[in-house]
């Protein structure tokens, strides 16, 4: 998993991921991710915090289905304010990615 900090904006991160083939918008098409979360992994995370307000943050996730190879993007501001299953699944994928990264 690649983590990048202080990119120009979320839109720049999204455009870079799209250029790398991340096409599905998981903010809209979350049902597939929800139904088979174990088949997904986070490949890349772009993190940004505002210079003056640490609460002004965003996360752009490049997520891939390891079985089908399909790639998509999930964008979130402060993870702690996401509700329900979306938060649970993104946190699970993030923790799994960090764990896998430590093993390498």
PDB file of N, CA and C in Angstrom:
ATOM      1  N   UNK A   1       0.855  -1.179   0.000  1.00  0.00           N
ATOM      2  CA  UNK A   1       0.000   0.000   0.000  1.00  0.00           C
ATOM      3  C   UNK A   1       0.890   1.226   0.000  1.00  0.00           C
ATOM      4  N   UNK A   2       0.610   2.152  -0.879  1.00  0.00           N
ATOM      5  CA  UNK A   2       1.327   3.411  -0.930  1.00  0.00           C
ATOM      6  C   UNK A   2       0.489   4.465  -0.227  1.00  0.00           C
ATOM      7  N   UNK A   3       1.106   5.205   0.688  1.00  0.00           N
ATOM      8  CA  UNK A   3       0.425   6.319   1.332  1.00  0.00           C
ATOM      9  C   UNK A   3       1.141   7.594   0.946  1.00  0.00           C
ATOM     10  N   UNK A   4       0.390   8.548   0.468  1.00  0.00           N
ATOM     11  CA  UNK A   4       0.970   9.827   0.075  1.00  0.00           C
ATOM     12  C   UNK A   4       0.309  10.924   0.893  1.00  0.00           C
ATOM     13  N   UNK A   5       1.105  11.870   1.319  1.00  0.00           N
ATOM     14  CA  UNK A   5       0.604  12.975   2.141  1.00  0.00           C
ATOM     15  C   UNK A   5       0.773  14.299   1.392  1.00  0.00           C
ATOM     16  N   UNK A   6      -0.062  15.239   1.739  1.00  0.00           N
ATOM     17  CA  UNK A   6       0.053  16.614   1.269  1.00  0.00           C
ATOM     18  C   UNK A   6       0.041  16.763  -0.245  1.00  0.00           C
ATOM     19  N   UNK A   7      -0.859  16.052  -0.904  1.00  0.00           N
ATOM     20  CA  UNK A   7      -1.060  16.277  -2.319  1.00  0.00           C
ATOM     21  C   UNK A   7      -1.805  17.588  -2.487  1.00  0.00           C
ATOM     22  N   UNK A   8      -1.929  18.058  -3.704  1.00  0.00           N
ATOM     23  CA  UNK A   8      -2.523  19.373  -3.943  1.00  0.00           C
ATOM     24  C   UNK A   8      -3.980  19.458  -3.509  1.00  0.00           C
ATOM     25  N   UNK A   9      -4.772  18.460  -3.861  1.00  0.00           N
ATOM     26  CA  UNK A   9      -6.186  18.445  -3.488  1.00  0.00           C
ATOM     27  C   UNK A   9      -6.743  17.049  -3.741  1.00  0.00           C
ATOM     28  N   UNK A  10      -7.945  16.820  -3.237  1.00  0.00           N
ATOM     29  CA  UNK A  10      -8.593  15.530  -3.482  1.00  0.00           C
ATOM     30  C   UNK A  10      -8.828  15.324  -4.969  1.00  0.00           C
ATOM     31  N   UNK A  11      -9.166  16.375  -5.691  1.00  0.00           N
ATOM     32  CA  UNK A  11      -9.422  16.227  -7.126  1.00  0.00           C
ATOM     33  C   UNK A  11      -8.157  15.822  -7.883  1.00  0.00           C
ATOM     34  N   UNK A  12      -6.996  16.296  -7.454  1.00  0.00           N
ATOM     35  CA  UNK A  12      -5.734  15.891  -8.082  1.00  0.00           C
ATOM     36  C   UNK A  12      -5.476  14.407  -7.806  1.00  0.00           C
ATOM     37  N   UNK A  13      -5.701  13.974  -6.579  1.00  0.00           N
ATOM     38  CA  UNK A  13      -5.513  12.559  -6.229  1.00  0.00           C
ATOM     39  C   UNK A  13      -6.464  11.678  -7.021  1.00  0.00           C
ATOM     40  N   UNK A  14      -7.712  12.095  -7.153  1.00  0.00           N
ATOM     41  CA  UNK A  14      -8.696  11.330  -7.913  1.00  0.00           C
ATOM     42  C   UNK A  14      -8.260  11.213  -9.366  1.00  0.00           C
ATOM     43  N   UNK A  15      -7.813  12.305  -9.939  1.00  0.00           N
ATOM     44  CA  UNK A  15      -7.377  12.278 -11.337  1.00  0.00           C
ATOM     45  C   UNK A  15      -6.176  11.348 -11.522  1.00  0.00           C
ATOM     46  N   UNK A  16      -5.231  11.364 -10.601  1.00  0.00           N
ATOM     47  CA  UNK A  16      -4.070  10.469 -10.691  1.00  0.00           C
ATOM     48  C   UNK A  16      -4.503   9.009 -10.613  1.00  0.00           C
ATOM     49  N   UNK A  17      -5.424   8.701  -9.723  1.00  0.00           N
ATOM     50  CA  UNK A  17      -5.912   7.327  -9.612  1.00  0.00           C
ATOM     51  C   UNK A  17      -6.671   6.908 -10.863  1.00  0.00           C
ATOM     52  N   UNK A  18      -7.473   7.803 -11.415  1.00  0.00           N
ATOM     53  CA  UNK A  18      -8.203   7.479 -12.643  1.00  0.00           C
ATOM     54  C   UNK A  18      -7.233   7.161 -13.776  1.00  0.00           C
ATOM     55  N   UNK A  19      -6.131   7.887 -13.843  1.00  0.00           N
ATOM     56  CA  UNK A  19      -5.120   7.628 -14.866  1.00  0.00           C
ATOM     57  C   UNK A  19      -4.490   6.245 -14.684  1.00  0.00           C
ATOM     58  N   UNK A  20      -4.546   5.721 -13.471  1.00  0.00           N
ATOM     59  CA  UNK A  20      -3.996   4.394 -13.184  1.00  0.00           C
ATOM     60  C   UNK A  20      -5.062   3.300 -13.259  1.00  0.00           C
ATOM     61  N   UNK A  21      -6.253   3.643 -13.745  1.00  0.00           N
ATOM     62  CA  UNK A  21      -7.289   2.643 -13.972  1.00  0.00           C
ATOM     63  C   UNK A  21      -8.292   2.459 -12.853  1.00  0.00           C
ATOM     64  N   UNK A  22      -8.311   3.333 -11.872  1.00  0.00           N
ATOM     65  CA  UNK A  22      -9.296   3.263 -10.791  1.00  0.00           C
ATOM     66  C   UNK A  22     -10.548   3.988 -11.274  1.00  0.00           C
ATOM     67  N   UNK A  23     -11.540   3.212 -11.711  1.00  0.00           N
ATOM     68  CA  UNK A  23     -12.696   3.791 -12.395  1.00  0.00           C
ATOM     69  C   UNK A  23     -13.988   3.789 -11.588  1.00  0.00           C
ATOM     70  N   UNK A  24     -14.197   2.806 -10.721  1.00  0.00           N
ATOM     71  CA  UNK A  24     -15.451   2.694  -9.984  1.00  0.00           C
ATOM     72  C   UNK A  24     -15.493   3.748  -8.876  1.00  0.00           C
ATOM     73  N   UNK A  25     -16.622   4.408  -8.733  1.00  0.00           N
ATOM     74  CA  UNK A  25     -16.808   5.373  -7.641  1.00  0.00           C
ATOM     75  C   UNK A  25     -17.499   4.641  -6.490  1.00  0.00           C
ATOM     76  N   UNK A  26     -16.699   4.211  -5.504  1.00  0.00           N
ATOM     77  CA  UNK A  26     -17.267   3.439  -4.398  1.00  0.00           C
ATOM     78  C   UNK A  26     -18.088   4.286  -3.435  1.00  0.00           C
ATOM     79  N   UNK A  27     -18.034   5.601  -3.551  1.00  0.00           N
ATOM     80  CA  UNK A  27     -18.944   6.423  -2.759  1.00  0.00           C
ATOM     81  C   UNK A  27     -20.376   6.235  -3.254  1.00  0.00           C
ATOM     82  N   UNK A  28     -20.517   5.961  -4.538  1.00  0.00           N
ATOM     83  CA  UNK A  28     -21.837   5.743  -5.128  1.00  0.00           C
ATOM     84  C   UNK A  28     -22.155   4.258  -5.199  1.00  0.00           C
ATOM     85  N   UNK A  29     -21.221   3.464  -5.654  1.00  0.00           N
ATOM     86  CA  UNK A  29     -21.435   2.031  -5.873  1.00  0.00           C
ATOM     87  C   UNK A  29     -20.842   1.217  -4.726  1.00  0.00           C
ATOM     88  N   UNK A  30     -21.319   1.465  -3.533  1.00  0.00           N
ATOM     89  CA  UNK A  30     -20.751   0.838  -2.342  1.00  0.00           C
ATOM     90  C   UNK A  30     -21.302  -0.563  -2.083  1.00  0.00           C
ATOM     91  N   UNK A  31     -22.443  -0.900  -2.660  1.00  0.00           N
ATOM     92  CA  UNK A  31     -23.076  -2.191  -2.371  1.00  0.00           C
ATOM     93  C   UNK A  31     -22.174  -3.375  -2.692  1.00  0.00           C
ATOM     94  N   UNK A  32     -21.486  -3.327  -3.837  1.00  0.00           N
ATOM     95  CA  UNK A  32     -20.585  -4.420  -4.216  1.00  0.00           C
ATOM     96  C   UNK A  32     -19.453  -4.557  -3.203  1.00  0.00           C
ATOM     97  N   UNK A  33     -18.878  -3.452  -2.830  1.00  0.00           N
ATOM     98  CA  UNK A  33     -17.811  -3.451  -1.833  1.00  0.00           C
ATOM     99  C   UNK A  33     -18.334  -3.971  -0.499  1.00  0.00           C
ATOM    100  N   UNK A  34     -19.518  -3.561  -0.145  1.00  0.00           N
ATOM    101  CA  UNK A  34     -20.138  -3.989   1.103  1.00  0.00           C
ATOM    102  C   UNK A  34     -20.387  -5.496   1.117  1.00  0.00           C
ATOM    103  N   UNK A  35     -20.862  -6.020  -0.010  1.00  0.00           N
ATOM    104  CA  UNK A  35     -21.236  -7.439  -0.073  1.00  0.00           C
ATOM    105  C   UNK A  35     -20.030  -8.371  -0.007  1.00  0.00           C
ATOM    106  N   UNK A  36     -18.895  -7.936  -0.548  1.00  0.00           N
ATOM    107  CA  UNK A  36     -17.718  -8.817  -0.613  1.00  0.00           C
ATOM    108  C   UNK A  36     -16.455  -8.084  -0.164  1.00  0.00           C
ATOM    109  N   UNK A  37     -16.508  -7.446   0.975  1.00  0.00           N
ATOM    110  CA  UNK A  37     -15.382  -6.638   1.467  1.00  0.00           C
ATOM    111  C   UNK A  37     -14.088  -7.439   1.590  1.00  0.00           C
ATOM    112  N   UNK A  38     -14.201  -8.724   1.872  1.00  0.00           N
ATOM    113  CA  UNK A  38     -12.999  -9.550   2.029  1.00  0.00           C
ATOM    114  C   UNK A  38     -12.229  -9.694   0.713  1.00  0.00           C
ATOM    115  N   UNK A  39     -12.865  -9.389  -0.427  1.00  0.00           N
ATOM    116  CA  UNK A  39     -12.212  -9.504  -1.726  1.00  0.00           C
ATOM    117  C   UNK A  39     -11.467  -8.231  -2.136  1.00  0.00           C
ATOM    118  N   UNK A  40     -11.465  -7.222  -1.282  1.00  0.00           N
ATOM    119  CA  UNK A  40     -10.884  -5.931  -1.633  1.00  0.00           C
ATOM    120  C   UNK A  40      -9.650  -5.616  -0.790  1.00  0.00           C
ATOM    121  N   UNK A  41      -8.793  -4.779  -1.378  1.00  0.00           N
ATOM    122  CA  UNK A  41      -7.645  -4.268  -0.633  1.00  0.00           C
ATOM    123  C   UNK A  41      -7.407  -2.824  -1.046  1.00  0.00           C
ATOM    124  N   UNK A  42      -6.824  -2.078  -0.146  1.00  0.00           N
ATOM    125  CA  UNK A  42      -6.450  -0.704  -0.438  1.00  0.00           C
ATOM    126  C   UNK A  42      -5.047  -0.738  -1.031  1.00  0.00           C
ATOM    127  N   UNK A  43      -4.917  -0.201  -2.245  1.00  0.00           N
ATOM    128  CA  UNK A  43      -3.616  -0.113  -2.901  1.00  0.00           C
ATOM    129  C   UNK A  43      -2.904   1.190  -2.556  1.00  0.00           C
ATOM    130  N   UNK A  44      -3.681   2.269  -2.529  1.00  0.00           N
ATOM    131  CA  UNK A  44      -3.097   3.590  -2.327  1.00  0.00           C
ATOM    132  C   UNK A  44      -4.012   4.436  -1.459  1.00  0.00           C
ATOM    133  N   UNK A  45      -3.389   5.271  -0.646  1.00  0.00           N
ATOM    134  CA  UNK A  45      -4.140   6.256   0.142  1.00  0.00           C
ATOM    135  C   UNK A  45      -3.460   7.604  -0.034  1.00  0.00           C
ATOM    136  N   UNK A  46      -4.250   8.584  -0.401  1.00  0.00           N
ATOM    137  CA  UNK A  46      -3.788   9.966  -0.414  1.00  0.00           C
ATOM    138  C   UNK A  46      -4.417  10.633   0.805  1.00  0.00           C
ATOM    139  N   UNK A  47      -3.580  11.246   1.637  1.00  0.00           N
ATOM    140  CA  UNK A  47      -4.087  11.926   2.836  1.00  0.00           C
ATOM    141  C   UNK A  47      -3.716  13.399   2.754  1.00  0.00           C
ATOM    142  N   UNK A  48      -4.630  14.225   3.197  1.00  0.00           N
ATOM    143  CA  UNK A  48      -4.382  15.661   3.189  1.00  0.00           C
ATOM    144  C   UNK A  48      -4.959  16.276   4.454  1.00  0.00           C
ATOM    145  N   UNK A  49      -4.183  17.130   5.091  1.00  0.00           N
ATOM    146  CA  UNK A  49      -4.666  17.932   6.220  1.00  0.00           C
ATOM    147  C   UNK A  49      -4.440  19.388   5.886  1.00  0.00           C
ATOM    148  N   UNK A  50      -5.427  20.198   6.193  1.00  0.00           N
ATOM    149  CA  UNK A  50      -5.302  21.629   5.943  1.00  0.00           C
ATOM    150  C   UNK A  50      -4.191  22.240   6.779  1.00  0.00           C
ATOM    151  N   UNK A  51      -3.569  23.282   6.247  1.00  0.00           N
ATOM    152  CA  UNK A  51      -2.464  23.930   6.943  1.00  0.00           C
ATOM    153  C   UNK A  51      -2.888  24.595   8.246  1.00  0.00           C
ATOM    154  N   UNK A  52      -4.101  25.124   8.273  1.00  0.00           N
ATOM    155  CA  UNK A  52      -4.532  25.864   9.449  1.00  0.00           C
ATOM    156  C   UNK A  52      -5.514  25.112  10.326  1.00  0.00           C
ATOM    157  N   UNK A  53      -6.163  24.110   9.795  1.00  0.00           N
ATOM    158  CA  UNK A  53      -7.172  23.389  10.559  1.00  0.00           C
ATOM    159  C   UNK A  53      -6.977  21.886  10.386  1.00  0.00           C
ATOM    160  N   UNK A  54      -6.440  21.191  11.405  1.00  0.00           N
ATOM    161  CA  UNK A  54      -6.247  19.746  11.291  1.00  0.00           C
ATOM    162  C   UNK A  54      -7.543  18.987  11.034  1.00  0.00           C
ATOM    163  N   UNK A  55      -8.681  19.583  11.373  1.00  0.00           N
ATOM    164  CA  UNK A  55      -9.968  18.961  11.105  1.00  0.00           C
ATOM    165  C   UNK A  55     -10.336  19.015   9.627  1.00  0.00           C
ATOM    166  N   UNK A  56      -9.609  19.854   8.871  1.00  0.00           N
ATOM    167  CA  UNK A  56      -9.828  19.959   7.432  1.00  0.00           C
ATOM    168  C   UNK A  56      -8.962  18.905   6.756  1.00  0.00           C
ATOM    169  N   UNK A  57      -9.480  17.683   6.714  1.00  0.00           N
ATOM    170  CA  UNK A  57      -8.699  16.591   6.158  1.00  0.00           C
ATOM    171  C   UNK A  57      -9.520  15.813   5.150  1.00  0.00           C
ATOM    172  N   UNK A  58      -8.812  15.119   4.289  1.00  0.00           N
ATOM    173  CA  UNK A  58      -9.490  14.232   3.359  1.00  0.00           C
ATOM    174  C   UNK A  58      -8.610  13.026   3.087  1.00  0.00           C
ATOM    175  N   UNK A  59      -9.267  11.941   2.717  1.00  0.00           N
ATOM    176  CA  UNK A  59      -8.597  10.687   2.376  1.00  0.00           C
ATOM    177  C   UNK A  59      -9.166  10.225   1.047  1.00  0.00           C
ATOM    178  N   UNK A  60      -8.292   9.873   0.134  1.00  0.00           N
ATOM    179  CA  UNK A  60      -8.709   9.329  -1.144  1.00  0.00           C
ATOM    180  C   UNK A  60      -8.082   7.940  -1.239  1.00  0.00           C
ATOM    181  N   UNK A  61      -8.937   6.937  -1.308  1.00  0.00           N
ATOM    182  CA  UNK A  61      -8.484   5.548  -1.304  1.00  0.00           C
ATOM    183  C   UNK A  61      -8.555   4.961  -2.712  1.00  0.00           C
ATOM    184  N   UNK A  62      -7.476   4.342  -3.142  1.00  0.00           N
ATOM    185  CA  UNK A  62      -7.464   3.533  -4.355  1.00  0.00           C
ATOM    186  C   UNK A  62      -7.678   2.091  -3.923  1.00  0.00           C
ATOM    187  N   UNK A  63      -8.807   1.506  -4.287  1.00  0.00           N
ATOM    188  CA  UNK A  63      -9.210   0.183  -3.797  1.00  0.00           C
ATOM    189  C   UNK A  63      -9.323  -0.776  -4.978  1.00  0.00           C
ATOM    190  N   UNK A  64      -8.852  -2.004  -4.772  1.00  0.00           N
ATOM    191  CA  UNK A  64      -8.889  -3.007  -5.834  1.00  0.00           C
ATOM    192  C   UNK A  64      -9.555  -4.295  -5.357  1.00  0.00           C
ATOM    193  N   UNK A  65     -10.347  -4.890  -6.225  1.00  0.00           N
ATOM    194  CA  UNK A  65     -10.905  -6.213  -5.968  1.00  0.00           C
ATOM    195  C   UNK A  65      -9.828  -7.215  -6.369  1.00  0.00           C
ATOM    196  N   UNK A  66      -9.320  -7.980  -5.401  1.00  0.00           N
ATOM    197  CA  UNK A  66      -8.210  -8.895  -5.666  1.00  0.00           C
ATOM    198  C   UNK A  66      -8.630 -10.093  -6.509  1.00  0.00           C
ATOM    199  N   UNK A  67      -9.912 -10.387  -6.578  1.00  0.00           N
ATOM    200  CA  UNK A  67     -10.385 -11.516  -7.381  1.00  0.00           C
ATOM    201  C   UNK A  67     -10.657 -11.121  -8.827  1.00  0.00           C
ATOM    202  N   UNK A  68     -11.264  -9.953  -9.030  1.00  0.00           N
ATOM    203  CA  UNK A  68     -11.641  -9.544 -10.382  1.00  0.00           C
ATOM    204  C   UNK A  68     -10.669  -8.543 -11.000  1.00  0.00           C
ATOM    205  N   UNK A  69      -9.886  -7.865 -10.151  1.00  0.00           N
ATOM    206  CA  UNK A  69      -8.961  -6.856 -10.650  1.00  0.00           C
ATOM    207  C   UNK A  69      -9.584  -5.492 -10.855  1.00  0.00           C
ATOM    208  N   UNK A  70     -10.900  -5.359 -10.657  1.00  0.00           N
ATOM    209  CA  UNK A  70     -11.526  -4.049 -10.833  1.00  0.00           C
ATOM    210  C   UNK A  70     -11.006  -3.084  -9.763  1.00  0.00           C
ATOM    211  N   UNK A  71     -10.888  -1.818 -10.170  1.00  0.00           N
ATOM    212  CA  UNK A  71     -10.316  -0.802  -9.285  1.00  0.00           C
ATOM    213  C   UNK A  71     -11.281   0.362  -9.154  1.00  0.00           C
ATOM    214  N   UNK A  72     -11.275   0.971  -7.969  1.00  0.00           N
ATOM    215  CA  UNK A  72     -12.136   2.110  -7.751  1.00  0.00           C
ATOM    216  C   UNK A  72     -11.591   3.047  -6.697  1.00  0.00           C
ATOM    217  N   UNK A  73     -12.342   4.092  -6.466  1.00  0.00           N
ATOM    218  CA  UNK A  73     -11.941   5.176  -5.572  1.00  0.00           C
ATOM    219  C   UNK A  73     -13.019   5.392  -4.517  1.00  0.00           C
ATOM    220  N   UNK A  74     -12.570   5.610  -3.283  1.00  0.00           N
ATOM    221  CA  UNK A  74     -13.477   6.017  -2.208  1.00  0.00           C
ATOM    222  C   UNK A  74     -12.883   7.273  -1.585  1.00  0.00           C
ATOM    223  N   UNK A  75     -13.678   8.321  -1.463  1.00  0.00           N
ATOM    224  CA  UNK A  75     -13.221   9.597  -0.918  1.00  0.00           C
ATOM    225  C   UNK A  75     -13.946   9.860   0.389  1.00  0.00           C
ATOM    226  N   UNK A  76     -13.185  10.245   1.398  1.00  0.00           N
ATOM    227  CA  UNK A  76     -13.780  10.552   2.705  1.00  0.00           C
ATOM    228  C   UNK A  76     -13.071  11.747   3.309  1.00  0.00           C
ATOM    229  N   UNK A  77     -13.825  12.508   4.055  1.00  0.00           N
ATOM    230  CA  UNK A  77     -13.217  13.563   4.852  1.00  0.00           C
ATOM    231  C   UNK A  77     -12.687  12.924   6.124  1.00  0.00           C
ATOM    232  N   UNK A  78     -13.137  13.379   7.228  1.00  0.00           N
ATOM    233  CA  UNK A  78     -12.769  12.811   8.527  1.00  0.00           C
ATOM    234  C   UNK A  78     -13.457  11.456   8.672  1.00  0.00           C
ATOM    235  N   UNK A  79     -12.674  10.391   8.741  1.00  0.00           N
ATOM    236  CA  UNK A  79     -13.203   9.028   8.816  1.00  0.00           C
ATOM    237  C   UNK A  79     -14.141   8.857  10.010  1.00  0.00           C
ATOM    238  N   UNK A  80     -13.871   9.558  11.086  1.00  0.00           N
ATOM    239  CA  UNK A  80     -14.671   9.370  12.290  1.00  0.00           C
ATOM    240  C   UNK A  80     -16.125   9.828  12.126  1.00  0.00           C
ATOM    241  N   UNK A  81     -16.404  10.623  11.100  1.00  0.00           N
ATOM    242  CA  UNK A  81     -17.786  11.085  10.921  1.00  0.00           C
ATOM    243  C   UNK A  81     -18.564  10.265   9.892  1.00  0.00           C
ATOM    244  N   UNK A  82     -17.899   9.313   9.234  1.00  0.00           N
ATOM    245  CA  UNK A  82     -18.614   8.410   8.335  1.00  0.00           C
ATOM    246  C   UNK A  82     -19.435   7.467   9.208  1.00  0.00           C
ATOM    247  N   UNK A  83     -20.640   7.189   8.788  1.00  0.00           N
ATOM    248  CA  UNK A  83     -21.525   6.365   9.610  1.00  0.00           C
ATOM    249  C   UNK A  83     -21.629   4.936   9.107  1.00  0.00           C
ATOM    250  N   UNK A  84     -21.864   4.045  10.035  1.00  0.00           N
ATOM    251  CA  UNK A  84     -22.279   2.683   9.736  1.00  0.00           C
ATOM    252  C   UNK A  84     -21.275   1.821   9.011  1.00  0.00           C
ATOM    253  N   UNK A  85     -21.806   1.032   8.079  1.00  0.00           N
ATOM    254  CA  UNK A  85     -21.022   0.022   7.376  1.00  0.00           C
ATOM    255  C   UNK A  85     -19.898   0.618   6.552  1.00  0.00           C
ATOM    256  N   UNK A  86     -20.111   1.786   5.952  1.00  0.00           N
ATOM    257  CA  UNK A  86     -19.042   2.393   5.158  1.00  0.00           C
ATOM    258  C   UNK A  86     -17.805   2.606   6.024  1.00  0.00           C
ATOM    259  N   UNK A  87     -18.003   3.190   7.184  1.00  0.00           N
ATOM    260  CA  UNK A  87     -16.879   3.427   8.097  1.00  0.00           C
ATOM    261  C   UNK A  87     -16.234   2.106   8.494  1.00  0.00           C
ATOM    262  N   UNK A  88     -17.048   1.141   8.874  1.00  0.00           N
ATOM    263  CA  UNK A  88     -16.524  -0.151   9.327  1.00  0.00           C
ATOM    264  C   UNK A  88     -15.685  -0.827   8.247  1.00  0.00           C
ATOM    265  N   UNK A  89     -16.181  -0.823   7.018  1.00  0.00           N
ATOM    266  CA  UNK A  89     -15.471  -1.499   5.932  1.00  0.00           C
ATOM    267  C   UNK A  89     -14.178  -0.765   5.580  1.00  0.00           C
ATOM    268  N   UNK A  90     -14.236   0.554   5.477  1.00  0.00           N
ATOM    269  CA  UNK A  90     -13.019   1.313   5.152  1.00  0.00           C
ATOM    270  C   UNK A  90     -11.977   1.147   6.252  1.00  0.00           C
ATOM    271  N   UNK A  91     -12.400   1.199   7.501  1.00  0.00           N
ATOM    272  CA  UNK A  91     -11.448   0.993   8.603  1.00  0.00           C
ATOM    273  C   UNK A  91     -10.866  -0.417   8.573  1.00  0.00           C
ATOM    274  N   UNK A  92     -11.703  -1.414   8.272  1.00  0.00           N
ATOM    275  CA  UNK A  92     -11.222  -2.793   8.182  1.00  0.00           C
ATOM    276  C   UNK A  92     -10.178  -2.925   7.064  1.00  0.00           C
ATOM    277  N   UNK A  93     -10.474  -2.352   5.888  1.00  0.00           N
ATOM    278  CA  UNK A  93      -9.525  -2.412   4.780  1.00  0.00           C
ATOM    279  C   UNK A  93      -8.235  -1.671   5.108  1.00  0.00           C
ATOM    280  N   UNK A  94      -8.354  -0.530   5.765  1.00  0.00           N
ATOM    281  CA  UNK A  94      -7.184   0.255   6.146  1.00  0.00           C
ATOM    282  C   UNK A  94      -6.316  -0.516   7.142  1.00  0.00           C
ATOM    283  N   UNK A  95      -6.946  -1.108   8.157  1.00  0.00           N
ATOM    284  CA  UNK A  95      -6.191  -1.890   9.146  1.00  0.00           C
ATOM    285  C   UNK A  95      -5.520  -3.100   8.506  1.00  0.00           C
ATOM    286  N   UNK A  96      -6.235  -3.768   7.618  1.00  0.00           N
ATOM    287  CA  UNK A  96      -5.665  -4.928   6.934  1.00  0.00           C
ATOM    288  C   UNK A  96      -4.462  -4.516   6.083  1.00  0.00           C
ATOM    289  N   UNK A  97      -4.569  -3.379   5.392  1.00  0.00           N
ATOM    290  CA  UNK A  97      -3.473  -2.890   4.565  1.00  0.00           C
ATOM    291  C   UNK A  97      -2.253  -2.543   5.420  1.00  0.00           C
ATOM    292  N   UNK A  98      -2.478  -1.914   6.563  1.00  0.00           N
ATOM    293  CA  UNK A  98      -1.357  -1.574   7.459  1.00  0.00           C
ATOM    294  C   UNK A  98      -0.701  -2.847   7.990  1.00  0.00           C
ATOM    295  N   UNK A  99      -1.507  -3.831   8.328  1.00  0.00           N
ATOM    296  CA  UNK A  99      -0.987  -5.100   8.829  1.00  0.00           C
ATOM    297  C   UNK A  99      -0.146  -5.787   7.753  1.00  0.00           C
ATOM    298  N   UNK A 100      -0.667  -5.834   6.538  1.00  0.00           N
ATOM    299  CA  UNK A 100       0.065  -6.449   5.430  1.00  0.00           C
ATOM    300  C   UNK A 100       1.352  -5.706   5.137  1.00  0.00           C
ATOM    301  N   UNK A 101       1.318  -4.384   5.253  1.00  0.00           N
ATOM    302  CA  UNK A 101       2.490  -3.551   5.005  1.00  0.00           C
ATOM    303  C   UNK A 101       3.590  -3.843   6.035  1.00  0.00           C
ATOM    304  N   UNK A 102       3.205  -4.079   7.267  1.00  0.00           N
ATOM    305  CA  UNK A 102       4.179  -4.381   8.329  1.00  0.00           C
ATOM    306  C   UNK A 102       4.834  -5.739   8.109  1.00  0.00           C
ATOM    307  N   UNK A 103       4.106  -6.674   7.498  1.00  0.00           N
ATOM    308  CA  UNK A 103       4.648  -8.002   7.254  1.00  0.00           C
ATOM    309  C   UNK A 103       5.723  -7.979   6.171  1.00  0.00           C
ATOM    310  N   UNK A 104       5.600  -7.023   5.230  1.00  0.00           N
ATOM    311  CA  UNK A 104       6.553  -6.949   4.109  1.00  0.00           C
ATOM    312  C   UNK A 104       7.841  -6.330   4.494  1.00  0.00           C
TER     313      UNK A 104
END
